C-alpha atoms as a PDB file:
ATOM      1  CA  MET A   1      78.066 -56.944 -66.509  1.00  0.00           C
ATOM      2  CA  GLY A   2      75.696 -58.738 -64.490  1.00  0.00           C
ATOM      3  CA  GLU A   3      77.308 -60.144 -61.084  1.00  0.00           C
ATOM      4  CA  THR A   4      76.287 -62.469 -58.348  1.00  0.00           C
ATOM      5  CA  MET A   5      79.821 -63.243 -57.168  1.00  0.00           C
ATOM      6  CA  LYS A   6      80.168 -61.620 -53.494  1.00  0.00           C
ATOM      7  CA  ALA A   7      83.028 -59.285 -52.744  1.00  0.00           C
ATOM      8  CA  ASN A   8      84.257 -58.446 -49.529  1.00  0.00           C
ATOM      9  CA  PHE A   9      85.982 -54.758 -50.045  1.00  0.00           C
ATOM     10  CA  GLY A  10      87.063 -54.398 -46.504  1.00  0.00           C
ATOM     11  CA  GLN A  11      89.804 -56.856 -47.301  1.00  0.00           C
ATOM     12  CA  THR A  12      91.056 -54.222 -49.669  1.00  0.00           C
ATOM     13  CA  ALA A  13      90.262 -51.394 -47.762  1.00  0.00           C
ATOM     14  CA  LYS A  14      93.890 -49.695 -48.033  1.00  0.00           C
ATOM     15  CA  ASP A  15      94.744 -50.489 -51.689  1.00  0.00           C
ATOM     16  CA  TYR A  16      90.503 -49.127 -51.952  1.00  0.00           C
ATOM     17  CA  ARG A  17      91.615 -45.901 -50.399  1.00  0.00           C
ATOM     18  CA  LYS A  18      94.846 -45.235 -52.257  1.00  0.00           C
ATOM     19  CA  TYR A  19      93.933 -46.038 -55.718  1.00  0.00           C
ATOM     20  CA  ARG A  20      90.277 -46.255 -56.322  1.00  0.00           C
ATOM     21  CA  ALA A  21      89.811 -42.431 -56.909  1.00  0.00           C
ATOM     22  CA  GLY A  22      86.102 -42.612 -57.886  1.00  0.00           C
ATOM     23  CA  PHE A  23      84.256 -40.450 -59.969  1.00  0.00           C
ATOM     24  CA  PRO A  24      85.994 -37.469 -61.605  1.00  0.00           C
ATOM     25  CA  ARG A  25      85.395 -33.484 -60.716  1.00  0.00           C
ATOM     26  CA  SER A  26      83.658 -33.370 -64.013  1.00  0.00           C
ATOM     27  CA  PHE A  27      80.903 -35.642 -62.998  1.00  0.00           C
ATOM     28  CA  PHE A  28      79.989 -33.387 -59.943  1.00  0.00           C
ATOM     29  CA  GLN A  29      80.093 -30.072 -62.026  1.00  0.00           C
ATOM     30  CA  THR A  30      77.738 -31.789 -64.546  1.00  0.00           C
ATOM     31  CA  LEU A  31      75.091 -32.738 -61.390  1.00  0.00           C
ATOM     32  CA  LYS A  32      75.685 -29.192 -60.707  1.00  0.00           C
ATOM     33  CA  GLU A  33      74.952 -28.101 -64.379  1.00  0.00           C
ATOM     34  CA  LYS A  34      72.021 -29.899 -64.805  1.00  0.00           C
ATOM     35  CA  ASN A  35      70.528 -28.795 -61.540  1.00  0.00           C
ATOM     36  CA  LEU A  36      70.157 -31.712 -60.303  1.00  0.00           C
ATOM     37  CA  ILE A  37      72.135 -30.571 -57.317  1.00  0.00           C
ATOM     38  CA  GLU A  38      71.935 -27.266 -56.135  1.00  0.00           C
ATOM     39  CA  GLY A  39      74.216 -27.726 -53.099  1.00  0.00           C
ATOM     40  CA  SER A  40      71.688 -27.746 -49.860  1.00  0.00           C
ATOM     41  CA  GLU A  41      70.107 -31.126 -50.069  1.00  0.00           C
ATOM     42  CA  THR A  42      70.344 -33.963 -47.568  1.00  0.00           C
ATOM     43  CA  VAL A  43      71.666 -36.702 -49.404  1.00  0.00           C
ATOM     44  CA  ILE A  44      72.615 -40.326 -48.590  1.00  0.00           C
ATOM     45  CA  ASP A  45      75.451 -42.157 -50.407  1.00  0.00           C
ATOM     46  CA  LEU A  46      74.774 -45.555 -50.715  1.00  0.00           C
ATOM     47  CA  GLY A  47      77.721 -48.168 -50.714  1.00  0.00           C
ATOM     48  CA  THR A  48      79.466 -45.335 -50.120  1.00  0.00           C
ATOM     49  CA  GLY A  49      83.043 -47.018 -50.066  1.00  0.00           C
ATOM     50  CA  THR A  50      85.872 -44.570 -49.032  1.00  0.00           C
ATOM     51  CA  GLY A  51      83.763 -41.659 -49.622  1.00  0.00           C
ATOM     52  CA  THR A  52      84.276 -40.692 -52.759  1.00  0.00           C
ATOM     53  CA  VAL A  53      80.592 -39.604 -54.146  1.00  0.00           C
ATOM     54  CA  ALA A  54      80.031 -38.404 -50.442  1.00  0.00           C
ATOM     55  CA  ARG A  55      83.046 -35.894 -50.236  1.00  0.00           C
ATOM     56  CA  GLY A  56      81.992 -34.575 -53.719  1.00  0.00           C
ATOM     57  CA  LEU A  57      78.848 -34.091 -52.718  1.00  0.00           C
ATOM     58  CA  ALA A  58      79.755 -32.622 -49.764  1.00  0.00           C
ATOM     59  CA  SER A  59      82.062 -30.244 -51.048  1.00  0.00           C
ATOM     60  CA  LEU A  60      78.970 -28.845 -53.112  1.00  0.00           C
ATOM     61  CA  GLY A  61      77.454 -27.906 -50.015  1.00  0.00           C
ATOM     62  CA  CYS A  62      74.984 -30.831 -49.504  1.00  0.00           C
ATOM     63  CA  GLU A  63      74.510 -32.631 -46.062  1.00  0.00           C
ATOM     64  CA  VAL A  64      75.827 -35.794 -46.712  1.00  0.00           C
ATOM     65  CA  THR A  65      75.301 -39.586 -44.564  1.00  0.00           C
ATOM     66  CA  GLY A  66      77.695 -41.834 -46.497  1.00  0.00           C
ATOM     67  CA  ILE A  67      76.505 -45.716 -45.789  1.00  0.00           C
ATOM     68  CA  ASP A  68      78.372 -48.870 -46.371  1.00  0.00           C
ATOM     69  CA  PRO A  69      78.665 -52.653 -45.199  1.00  0.00           C
ATOM     70  CA  ALA A  70      82.173 -52.810 -44.884  1.00  0.00           C
ATOM     71  CA  GLU A  71      83.092 -50.859 -41.636  1.00  0.00           C
ATOM     72  CA  ALA A  72      87.112 -51.017 -42.272  1.00  0.00           C
ATOM     73  CA  LEU A  73      85.976 -48.931 -45.323  1.00  0.00           C
ATOM     74  CA  LEU A  74      84.150 -46.304 -43.265  1.00  0.00           C
ATOM     75  CA  VAL A  75      87.121 -45.916 -41.255  1.00  0.00           C
ATOM     76  CA  GLN A  76      89.093 -44.742 -44.286  1.00  0.00           C
ATOM     77  CA  ALA A  77      86.288 -42.742 -45.520  1.00  0.00           C
ATOM     78  CA  LYS A  78      85.900 -40.902 -42.291  1.00  0.00           C
ATOM     79  CA  GLU A  79      89.989 -40.303 -41.950  1.00  0.00           C
ATOM     80  CA  ILE A  80      90.148 -39.141 -45.602  1.00  0.00           C
ATOM     81  CA  ALA A  81      87.028 -36.598 -45.007  1.00  0.00           C
ATOM     82  CA  GLU A  82      88.575 -35.437 -41.720  1.00  0.00           C
ATOM     83  CA  ALA A  83      91.747 -34.633 -43.549  1.00  0.00           C
ATOM     84  CA  GLU A  84      89.731 -32.867 -46.288  1.00  0.00           C
ATOM     85  CA  GLY A  85      87.803 -30.596 -43.647  1.00  0.00           C
ATOM     86  CA  LEU A  86      84.447 -32.224 -44.890  1.00  0.00           C
ATOM     87  CA  LYS A  87      81.798 -33.079 -42.060  1.00  0.00           C
ATOM     88  CA  ILE A  88      80.056 -35.911 -43.268  1.00  0.00           C
ATOM     89  CA  HIS A  89      77.931 -38.646 -41.289  1.00  0.00           C
ATOM     90  CA  TRP A  90      79.374 -42.485 -41.638  1.00  0.00           C
ATOM     91  CA  HIS A  91      76.738 -45.566 -40.845  1.00  0.00           C
ATOM     92  CA  LYS A  92      77.418 -49.073 -41.159  1.00  0.00           C
ATOM     93  CA  GLY A  93      74.156 -50.734 -43.067  1.00  0.00           C
ATOM     94  CA  ASN A  94      72.747 -51.691 -46.402  1.00  0.00           C
ATOM     95  CA  ALA A  95      70.618 -50.303 -48.962  1.00  0.00           C
ATOM     96  CA  GLU A  96      67.869 -52.495 -48.564  1.00  0.00           C
ATOM     97  CA  LYS A  97      67.280 -51.615 -44.694  1.00  0.00           C
ATOM     98  CA  LEU A  98      67.886 -48.336 -43.854  1.00  0.00           C
ATOM     99  CA  ASP A  99      67.836 -46.736 -40.379  1.00  0.00           C
ATOM    100  CA  VAL A 100      66.614 -43.711 -41.591  1.00  0.00           C
ATOM    101  CA  SER A 101      63.103 -41.949 -41.322  1.00  0.00           C
ATOM    102  CA  ASP A 102      60.374 -41.911 -43.979  1.00  0.00           C
ATOM    103  CA  ASN A 103      60.260 -38.937 -46.089  1.00  0.00           C
ATOM    104  CA  SER A 104      63.019 -37.374 -44.633  1.00  0.00           C
ATOM    105  CA  ILE A 105      65.945 -37.432 -47.490  1.00  0.00           C
ATOM    106  CA  ASP A 106      66.247 -34.925 -50.486  1.00  0.00           C
ATOM    107  CA  VAL A 107      68.802 -36.862 -52.755  1.00  0.00           C
ATOM    108  CA  VAL A 108      69.896 -40.695 -52.419  1.00  0.00           C
ATOM    109  CA  ALA A 109      73.199 -41.726 -54.510  1.00  0.00           C
ATOM    110  CA  ALA A 110      74.203 -44.517 -55.549  1.00  0.00           C
ATOM    111  CA  GLY A 111      77.840 -44.998 -57.291  1.00  0.00           C
ATOM    112  CA  GLN A 112      79.355 -48.100 -58.441  1.00  0.00           C
ATOM    113  CA  CYS A 113      77.420 -50.131 -56.351  1.00  0.00           C
ATOM    114  CA  TRP A 114      73.910 -50.475 -57.731  1.00  0.00           C
ATOM    115  CA  HIS A 115      75.109 -54.130 -59.035  1.00  0.00           C
ATOM    116  CA  TRP A 116      75.624 -55.266 -55.557  1.00  0.00           C
ATOM    117  CA  PHE A 117      71.883 -54.665 -54.233  1.00  0.00           C
ATOM    118  CA  GLU A 118      68.807 -56.453 -54.456  1.00  0.00           C
ATOM    119  CA  PRO A 119      67.205 -53.533 -56.804  1.00  0.00           C
ATOM    120  CA  ASN A 120      63.523 -54.577 -56.008  1.00  0.00           C
ATOM    121  CA  ALA A 121      63.975 -54.314 -52.037  1.00  0.00           C
ATOM    122  CA  ALA A 122      66.364 -51.190 -52.377  1.00  0.00           C
ATOM    123  CA  ILE A 123      64.229 -49.229 -54.842  1.00  0.00           C
ATOM    124  CA  GLU A 124      61.395 -49.657 -52.244  1.00  0.00           C
ATOM    125  CA  GLU A 125      63.643 -48.652 -49.203  1.00  0.00           C
ATOM    126  CA  ILE A 126      64.762 -45.776 -50.933  1.00  0.00           C
ATOM    127  CA  ARG A 127      61.222 -44.466 -52.316  1.00  0.00           C
ATOM    128  CA  ARG A 128      60.329 -44.691 -48.348  1.00  0.00           C
ATOM    129  CA  VAL A 129      63.198 -42.621 -47.290  1.00  0.00           C
ATOM    130  CA  LEU A 130      63.037 -40.037 -50.118  1.00  0.00           C
ATOM    131  CA  LYS A 131      61.105 -36.811 -49.785  1.00  0.00           C
ATOM    132  CA  PRO A 132      58.306 -36.462 -52.173  1.00  0.00           C
ATOM    133  CA  ASN A 133      60.198 -35.513 -55.643  1.00  0.00           C
ATOM    134  CA  GLY A 134      63.163 -36.485 -53.972  1.00  0.00           C
ATOM    135  CA  LEU A 135      66.019 -37.535 -56.356  1.00  0.00           C
ATOM    136  CA  LEU A 136      67.243 -41.000 -56.892  1.00  0.00           C
ATOM    137  CA  ILE A 137      71.113 -41.082 -59.073  1.00  0.00           C
ATOM    138  CA  ILE A 138      72.222 -44.287 -59.915  1.00  0.00           C
ATOM    139  CA  CYS A 139      75.885 -43.950 -61.498  1.00  0.00           C
ATOM    140  CA  HIS A 140      78.898 -45.546 -62.691  1.00  0.00           C
ATOM    141  CA  PHE A 141      82.194 -44.706 -64.039  1.00  0.00           C
ATOM    142  CA  ASP A 142      83.701 -47.763 -65.647  1.00  0.00           C
ATOM    143  CA  TRP A 143      86.807 -48.559 -67.211  1.00  0.00           C
ATOM    144  CA  LEU A 144      86.391 -49.345 -71.052  1.00  0.00           C
ATOM    145  CA  PRO A 145      88.106 -52.773 -72.672  1.00  0.00           C
ATOM    146  CA  PHE A 146      88.098 -52.629 -76.394  1.00  0.00           C
ATOM    147  CA  GLY A 147      90.806 -53.301 -79.158  1.00  0.00           C
ATOM    148  CA  GLY A 148      93.350 -55.353 -77.070  1.00  0.00           C
ATOM    149  CA  ASN A 149      94.155 -52.046 -74.863  1.00  0.00           C
ATOM    150  CA  VAL A 150      95.298 -52.622 -71.439  1.00  0.00           C
ATOM    151  CA  VAL A 151      92.063 -52.892 -69.834  1.00  0.00           C
ATOM    152  CA  GLU A 152      91.107 -55.597 -71.951  1.00  0.00           C
ATOM    153  CA  LYS A 153      94.241 -57.659 -71.408  1.00  0.00           C
ATOM    154  CA  THR A 154      93.730 -56.800 -67.567  1.00  0.00           C
ATOM    155  CA  GLU A 155      90.451 -58.092 -67.848  1.00  0.00           C
ATOM    156  CA  ALA A 156      91.385 -61.214 -69.149  1.00  0.00           C
ATOM    157  CA  LEU A 157      94.328 -62.068 -66.661  1.00  0.00           C
ATOM    158  CA  ILE A 158      91.389 -61.724 -63.834  1.00  0.00           C
ATOM    159  CA  ARG A 159      89.620 -63.941 -65.654  1.00  0.00           C
ATOM    160  CA  GLU A 160      91.858 -66.594 -66.038  1.00  0.00           C
ATOM    161  CA  MET A 161      92.926 -66.337 -62.349  1.00  0.00           C
ATOM    162  CA  ASN A 162      89.702 -66.052 -60.801  1.00  0.00           C
ATOM    163  CA  PRO A 163      86.916 -67.598 -62.961  1.00  0.00           C
ATOM    164  CA  HIS A 164      84.091 -66.970 -60.946  1.00  0.00           C
ATOM    165  CA  TRP A 165      84.591 -63.457 -61.777  1.00  0.00           C
ATOM    166  CA  GLN A 166      82.309 -62.226 -64.597  1.00  0.00           C
ATOM    167  CA  MET A 167      81.984 -58.513 -64.906  1.00  0.00           C
ATOM    168  CA  ASP A 168      84.367 -58.014 -67.773  1.00  0.00           C
ATOM    169  CA  GLY A 169      83.463 -56.844 -71.215  1.00  0.00           C
ATOM    170  CA  GLY A 170      81.215 -54.026 -70.303  1.00  0.00           C
ATOM    171  CA  VAL A 171      80.297 -51.130 -72.153  1.00  0.00           C
ATOM    172  CA  GLY A 172      79.700 -49.048 -69.393  1.00  0.00           C
ATOM    173  CA  VAL A 173      76.040 -48.503 -70.173  1.00  0.00           C
ATOM    174  CA  TYR A 174      72.866 -50.104 -67.629  1.00  0.00           C
ATOM    175  CA  PRO A 175      69.208 -50.169 -69.424  1.00  0.00           C
ATOM    176  CA  GLU A 176      68.345 -52.291 -66.855  1.00  0.00           C
ATOM    177  CA  TRP A 177      68.496 -49.401 -64.446  1.00  0.00           C
ATOM    178  CA  PHE A 178      65.415 -47.431 -66.192  1.00  0.00           C
ATOM    179  CA  ARG A 179      63.314 -50.694 -65.399  1.00  0.00           C
ATOM    180  CA  HIS A 180      64.491 -50.676 -61.464  1.00  0.00           C
ATOM    181  CA  LEU A 181      63.160 -46.928 -61.328  1.00  0.00           C
ATOM    182  CA  SER A 182      60.017 -47.499 -63.487  1.00  0.00           C
ATOM    183  CA  SER A 183      58.888 -50.402 -61.199  1.00  0.00           C
ATOM    184  CA  GLY A 184      59.480 -48.081 -58.293  1.00  0.00           C
ATOM    185  CA  SER A 185      57.107 -45.298 -59.976  1.00  0.00           C
ATOM    186  CA  PHE A 186      59.811 -43.002 -60.118  1.00  0.00           C
ATOM    187  CA  THR A 187      58.897 -39.947 -62.516  1.00  0.00           C
ATOM    188  CA  GLY A 188      61.091 -37.977 -64.994  1.00  0.00           C
ATOM    189  CA  ILE A 189      63.255 -40.664 -65.399  1.00  0.00           C
ATOM    190  CA  GLU A 190      66.296 -39.630 -67.667  1.00  0.00           C
ATOM    191  CA  SER A 191      70.205 -40.297 -68.199  1.00  0.00           C
ATOM    192  CA  TYR A 192      73.294 -39.079 -69.576  1.00  0.00           C
ATOM    193  CA  SER A 193      77.079 -40.478 -70.405  1.00  0.00           C
ATOM    194  CA  TYR A 194      80.125 -39.457 -71.488  1.00  0.00           C
ATOM    195  CA  ASP A 195      83.703 -40.504 -71.993  1.00  0.00           C
ATOM    196  CA  GLU A 196      86.893 -39.505 -69.997  1.00  0.00           C
ATOM    197  CA  SER A 197      90.321 -40.532 -69.934  1.00  0.00           C
ATOM    198  CA  VAL A 198      92.249 -41.361 -66.936  1.00  0.00           C
ATOM    199  CA  SER A 199      95.995 -41.415 -66.303  1.00  0.00           C
ATOM    200  CA  TYR A 200      97.347 -44.264 -63.947  1.00  0.00           C
ATOM    201  CA  SER A 201     101.112 -45.159 -63.702  1.00  0.00           C
ATOM    202  CA  ARG A 202     101.681 -48.673 -64.144  1.00  0.00           C
ATOM    203  CA  GLU A 203     101.979 -48.822 -60.086  1.00  0.00           C
ATOM    204  CA  ALA A 204      98.927 -47.377 -59.790  1.00  0.00           C
ATOM    205  CA  TRP A 205      96.907 -49.577 -62.107  1.00  0.00           C
ATOM    206  CA  ARG A 206      98.095 -52.682 -60.644  1.00  0.00           C
ATOM    207  CA  GLY A 207      96.852 -51.120 -57.184  1.00  0.00           C
ATOM    208  CA  ARG A 208      93.810 -49.699 -58.963  1.00  0.00           C
ATOM    209  CA  ILE A 209      92.791 -53.729 -60.119  1.00  0.00           C
ATOM    210  CA  ARG A 210      94.095 -55.086 -56.768  1.00  0.00           C
ATOM    211  CA  ALA A 211      91.491 -53.125 -55.149  1.00  0.00           C
ATOM    212  CA  SER A 212      88.798 -54.682 -57.388  1.00  0.00           C
ATOM    213  CA  ALA A 213      86.120 -57.313 -56.616  1.00  0.00           C
ATOM    214  CA  GLY A 214      87.681 -59.718 -58.742  1.00  0.00           C
ATOM    215  CA  VAL A 215      90.840 -59.518 -56.920  1.00  0.00           C
ATOM    216  CA  SER A 216      91.435 -58.502 -53.442  1.00  0.00           C
ATOM    217  CA  GLY A 217      88.066 -58.400 -53.076  1.00  0.00           C
ATOM    218  CA  SER A 218      87.360 -62.167 -53.567  1.00  0.00           C
ATOM    219  CA  LEU A 219      90.979 -63.720 -53.322  1.00  0.00           C
ATOM    220  CA  SER A 220      92.915 -65.041 -50.887  1.00  0.00           C
ATOM    221  CA  GLU A 221      95.793 -63.098 -49.825  1.00  0.00           C
ATOM    222  CA  ALA A 222      98.451 -65.189 -51.515  1.00  0.00           C
ATOM    223  CA  GLU A 223      96.322 -65.733 -54.648  1.00  0.00           C
ATOM    224  CA  VAL A 224      96.322 -61.509 -55.137  1.00  0.00           C
ATOM    225  CA  ALA A 225     100.172 -61.614 -54.647  1.00  0.00           C
ATOM    226  CA  ALA A 226     100.174 -64.351 -57.415  1.00  0.00           C
ATOM    227  CA  PHE A 227      98.060 -62.398 -59.430  1.00  0.00           C
ATOM    228  CA  ASP A 228      99.588 -58.719 -59.229  1.00  0.00           C
ATOM    229  CA  GLN A 229     103.004 -60.386 -60.132  1.00  0.00           C
ATOM    230  CA  ARG A 230     101.406 -61.963 -63.296  1.00  0.00           C
ATOM    231  CA  HIS A 231      99.825 -58.381 -63.840  1.00  0.00           C
ATOM    232  CA  GLU A 232     103.391 -56.439 -63.835  1.00  0.00           C
ATOM    233  CA  GLU A 233     104.903 -58.971 -65.917  1.00  0.00           C
ATOM    234  CA  MET A 234     101.904 -58.422 -68.642  1.00  0.00           C
ATOM    235  CA  LEU A 235     102.347 -54.601 -67.949  1.00  0.00           C
ATOM    236  CA  GLU A 236     105.679 -54.653 -68.637  1.00  0.00           C
ATOM    237  CA  GLN A 237     105.865 -56.712 -71.771  1.00  0.00           C
ATOM    238  CA  LYS A 238     102.783 -55.438 -73.701  1.00  0.00           C
ATOM    239  CA  PHE A 239     102.247 -51.961 -72.058  1.00  0.00           C
ATOM    240  CA  PRO A 240     105.771 -50.715 -71.268  1.00  0.00           C
ATOM    241  CA  ILE A 241     104.478 -46.923 -71.539  1.00  0.00           C
ATOM    242  CA  ASP A 242     103.969 -44.967 -68.218  1.00  0.00           C
ATOM    243  CA  PRO A 243     101.583 -43.420 -67.537  1.00  0.00           C
ATOM    244  CA  LEU A 244      98.711 -45.794 -69.458  1.00  0.00           C
ATOM    245  CA  ARG A 245      95.853 -43.449 -70.148  1.00  0.00           C
ATOM    246  CA  ILE A 246      92.371 -45.281 -69.313  1.00  0.00           C
ATOM    247  CA  PRO A 247      89.502 -44.824 -71.043  1.00  0.00           C
ATOM    248  CA  HIS A 248      86.485 -44.645 -69.072  1.00  0.00           C
ATOM    249  CA  ARG A 249      82.611 -44.030 -69.278  1.00  0.00           C
ATOM    250  CA  VAL A 250      80.317 -41.794 -66.872  1.00  0.00           C
ATOM    251  CA  PHE A 251      76.758 -43.471 -67.276  1.00  0.00           C
ATOM    252  CA  VAL A 252      74.067 -41.729 -64.715  1.00  0.00           C
ATOM    253  CA  VAL A 253      70.233 -42.524 -64.887  1.00  0.00           C
ATOM    254  CA  TYR A 254      68.034 -40.632 -62.428  1.00  0.00           C
ATOM    255  CA  GLY A 255      64.596 -40.530 -61.172  1.00  0.00           C
ATOM    256  CA  ARG A 256      62.001 -38.537 -58.813  1.00  0.00           C
ATOM    257  CA  LYS A 257      59.653 -40.021 -56.257  1.00  0.00           C
ATOM    258  CA  PRO A 258      56.305 -38.885 -56.792  1.00  0.00           C
ATOM    259  CA  SER A 259      55.596 -35.842 -55.282  1.00  0.00           C
ATOM    260  CA  GLN A 260      51.990 -37.235 -54.837  1.00  0.00           C
ATOM    261  CA  ALA A 261      51.383 -41.045 -53.474  1.00  0.00           C
ATOM    262  CA  VAL A 262      50.566 -43.311 -56.904  1.00  0.00           C
ATOM    263  CA  SER A 263      49.180 -46.806 -57.029  1.00  0.00           C
ATOM    264  CA  GLY A 264      51.336 -50.083 -58.390  1.00  0.00           C
ATOM    265  CA  GLY A 265      55.268 -50.628 -58.211  1.00  0.00           C
ATOM    266  CA  ASN A 266      56.968 -51.388 -55.538  1.00  0.00           C
ATOM    267  CA  GLY A 267      56.628 -48.909 -53.139  1.00  0.00           C
END
């Protein structure tokens, strides 16, 4: 799902907070089971949005800093974290230029955001801030369109009303991430994936889609309203069942910064 369209998620901060629940609990449990996260690490969560990954890692005991270029999302993230009693640091910034000391971070996570970065610059910056043997985790939790399901029909409607959006038809697997980590001389590169269904009321599914890059992230307020009306009509006609079961795939690629300096790569 390559994507060059720019999106402003600050335009959809309220829907983003309410309807984009983020990674499931199983994602964080699996990180623990695979010994990728112990619970005492210093972590940067890039493209944190409303902080779903940051909060999950903080709840495991990590010291987390969430970074995002959208101030409106960081405001939402801070409010949610405080309501849940979690202490997380929040900073406005970009993955390609971090206000972080060299060799100071145990783990960098990038959840549902890597496609918005310039990968070579991001990899170089991540290598700079990670400690030797520090871990980079790139991950997505994607809905799956197939067989005329509600996801496929919803994506078709987004493309109809926003032809610039080209993120449809994904399978939730990103082989290019292996190349990005390899180009940065990361070692021990591995991946895993699994599928998990998520229950959405029809109202919540509409909200989730409004909070996506192809709708509120890139359309005007009037265009969003027109889309939402069409979406509601389509769901009532073709998918009257409530709640909807939306298939998703978790996909994770990870690797470690070399414990000793290596030649080549982007670092």
